[in-house]
Amino acid sequence: MPIVWRDAFSIGYKQIDLDHRHLLDLINVVEAALTSEHALSKLLNAIDDLMEYTRRHFTFEERLMADAVYPHFERHKAGHLELIEQLKQAAAPIKVLAAGEAQMTSAVPEAARDALVALLRHWLVDHIIKEDMQLKPFL
């Protein structure tokens, strides 16, 4: 079931909220490609799109935090690096499959599928609500 944007996700800064909505859409695309029969190439493209957009968003957000002299900047930035690394690790088994003979998402082991879906859901909701909401008073 796709994640639906809720007002509770809004931090009240237009570009960040737009980015978060787009990240949510990208997460839903990855999850849809992962949980139904699709070509592994489609899933890998969706993961790559998510990674690329996430990096751009984190760069933008970090620039805002630096400009606002956000007191938890270093911790927040470290969290961004950790999230990117977790996504890389969760995607690694899928990339290995795609480099071999596997062509379809049905070849992705259930444990790898569940780990990626759980990470994406936790990442978006938890990071926005627990971390990004702390930026609100500084923006």
Protein backbone atom coordinates (compact mmCIF):
# COMPACT_ATOMS: atom_id res chain seq x y z
CA MET A 1 0.00 0.00 0.00
CA PRO A 2 1.49 3.36 -1.02
CA ILE A 3 2.42 5.94 1.58
CA VAL A 4 0.11 8.94 1.36
CA TRP A 5 1.26 12.47 2.17
CA ARG A 6 -0.27 13.85 5.36
CA ASP A 7 -0.20 17.36 6.73
CA ALA A 8 1.72 15.96 9.71
CA PHE A 9 4.71 15.54 7.37
CA SER A 10 4.84 19.25 6.50
CA ILE A 11 7.60 21.26 8.11
CA GLY A 12 6.23 24.49 6.68
CA TYR A 13 9.10 25.28 4.32
CA LYS A 14 7.76 25.06 0.78
CA GLN A 15 10.76 23.59 -1.07
CA ILE A 16 11.51 21.03 1.63
CA ASP A 17 7.87 19.97 1.75
CA LEU A 18 7.81 19.66 -2.06
CA ASP A 19 11.00 17.61 -1.94
CA HIS A 20 9.57 15.36 0.76
CA ARG A 21 6.41 14.81 -1.30
CA HIS A 22 8.54 13.90 -4.30
CA LEU A 23 10.67 11.56 -2.19
CA LEU A 24 7.48 9.90 -0.99
CA ASP A 25 6.40 9.43 -4.61
CA LEU A 26 9.79 7.93 -5.50
CA ILE A 27 9.60 5.59 -2.51
CA ASN A 28 6.16 4.47 -3.66
CA VAL A 29 7.54 3.77 -7.16
CA VAL A 30 10.38 1.67 -5.72
CA GLU A 31 7.98 -0.24 -3.49
CA ALA A 32 5.53 -0.85 -6.35
CA ALA A 33 8.34 -2.13 -8.59
CA LEU A 34 9.62 -4.32 -5.78
CA THR A 35 6.33 -5.86 -4.69
CA SER A 36 4.95 -6.79 -8.10
CA GLU A 37 6.38 -8.56 -11.11
CA HIS A 38 8.59 -6.10 -12.98
CA ALA A 39 11.90 -6.15 -14.74
CA LEU A 40 14.81 -5.75 -12.34
CA SER A 41 16.03 -2.91 -14.55
CA LYS A 42 12.86 -0.95 -13.75
CA LEU A 43 13.43 -1.49 -10.03
CA LEU A 44 17.09 -0.48 -10.28
CA ASN A 45 16.16 2.66 -12.23
CA ALA A 46 13.63 3.56 -9.52
CA ILE A 47 16.23 3.02 -6.79
CA ASP A 48 18.78 5.11 -8.71
CA ASP A 49 16.21 7.91 -9.16
CA LEU A 50 15.49 7.82 -5.44
CA MET A 51 19.20 7.92 -4.57
CA GLU A 52 19.91 10.81 -6.92
CA TYR A 53 16.98 12.91 -5.74
CA THR A 54 17.76 12.12 -2.11
CA ARG A 55 21.33 13.36 -2.49
CA ARG A 56 20.15 16.60 -4.10
CA HIS A 57 17.54 17.10 -1.38
CA PHE A 58 20.05 16.45 1.40
CA THR A 59 22.50 18.92 -0.15
CA PHE A 60 19.79 21.57 -0.32
CA GLU A 61 18.62 20.87 3.22
CA GLU A 62 22.17 20.97 4.57
CA ARG A 63 22.77 24.34 2.88
CA LEU A 64 19.64 25.69 4.58
CA MET A 65 20.76 24.32 7.94
CA ALA A 66 24.20 25.91 7.57
CA ASP A 67 22.66 29.26 6.58
CA ALA A 68 20.28 29.10 9.54
CA VAL A 69 23.16 28.15 11.89
CA TYR A 70 21.17 25.09 12.91
CA PRO A 71 22.67 23.87 16.21
CA HIS A 72 22.28 20.16 15.35
CA PHE A 73 23.70 20.49 11.84
CA GLU A 74 26.52 17.96 12.23
CA ARG A 75 24.25 15.31 13.76
CA HIS A 76 21.60 15.86 11.09
CA LYS A 77 24.18 15.70 8.29
CA ALA A 78 25.58 12.48 9.75
CA GLY A 79 22.04 11.10 9.70
CA HIS A 80 21.81 11.94 6.01
CA LEU A 81 25.04 10.07 5.30
CA GLU A 82 23.80 7.10 7.31
CA LEU A 83 20.50 7.01 5.40
CA ILE A 84 22.31 7.04 2.05
CA GLU A 85 24.57 4.23 3.21
CA GLN A 86 21.60 2.18 4.46
CA LEU A 87 19.89 2.59 1.11
CA LYS A 88 23.05 1.48 -0.72
CA GLN A 89 23.32 -1.59 1.50
CA ALA A 90 19.65 -2.49 1.10
CA ALA A 91 19.91 -2.15 -2.69
CA ALA A 92 23.16 -4.14 -2.96
CA PRO A 93 21.55 -7.63 -3.11
CA ILE A 94 19.25 -6.44 -5.90
CA LYS A 95 22.19 -5.06 -7.89
CA VAL A 96 23.99 -8.39 -7.50
CA LEU A 97 20.94 -10.23 -8.86
CA ALA A 98 20.66 -7.84 -11.80
CA ALA A 99 24.33 -8.33 -12.63
CA GLY A 100 23.69 -12.07 -12.92
CA GLU A 101 21.01 -13.99 -14.75
CA ALA A 102 18.00 -12.60 -12.88
CA GLN A 103 15.66 -10.50 -14.99
CA MET A 104 12.53 -10.05 -12.87
CA THR A 105 11.78 -8.75 -9.39
CA SER A 106 10.43 -12.17 -8.41
CA ALA A 107 14.11 -13.21 -8.11
CA VAL A 108 14.62 -10.79 -5.22
CA PRO A 109 14.66 -12.81 -1.97
CA GLU A 110 11.83 -11.99 0.39
CA ALA A 111 14.26 -10.90 3.12
CA ALA A 112 15.93 -8.36 0.80
CA ARG A 113 12.54 -7.12 -0.39
CA ASP A 114 11.22 -6.74 3.17
CA ALA A 115 14.41 -5.01 4.33
CA LEU A 116 14.25 -2.42 1.55
CA VAL A 117 10.53 -1.70 2.03
CA ALA A 118 10.96 -1.39 5.80
CA LEU A 119 13.95 0.93 5.38
CA LEU A 120 12.12 3.19 2.94
CA ARG A 121 9.00 3.47 5.07
CA HIS A 122 10.97 4.03 8.27
CA TRP A 123 13.34 6.43 6.57
CA LEU A 124 10.76 8.77 5.16
CA VAL A 125 8.36 8.94 8.06
CA ASP A 126 10.89 8.69 10.88
CA HIS A 127 13.42 11.10 9.40
CA ILE A 128 10.84 13.74 8.51
CA ILE A 129 8.91 13.55 11.76
CA LYS A 130 11.83 13.09 14.15
CA GLU A 131 14.64 15.00 12.49
CA ASP A 132 13.36 17.47 9.92
CA MET A 133 10.60 18.77 12.20
CA GLN A 134 13.36 20.08 14.46
CA LEU A 135 14.38 22.43 11.63
CA LYS A 136 10.98 24.15 11.59
CA PRO A 137 11.79 26.95 14.09
CA PHE A 138 15.08 27.72 12.32
CA LEU A 139 13.61 28.10 8.83
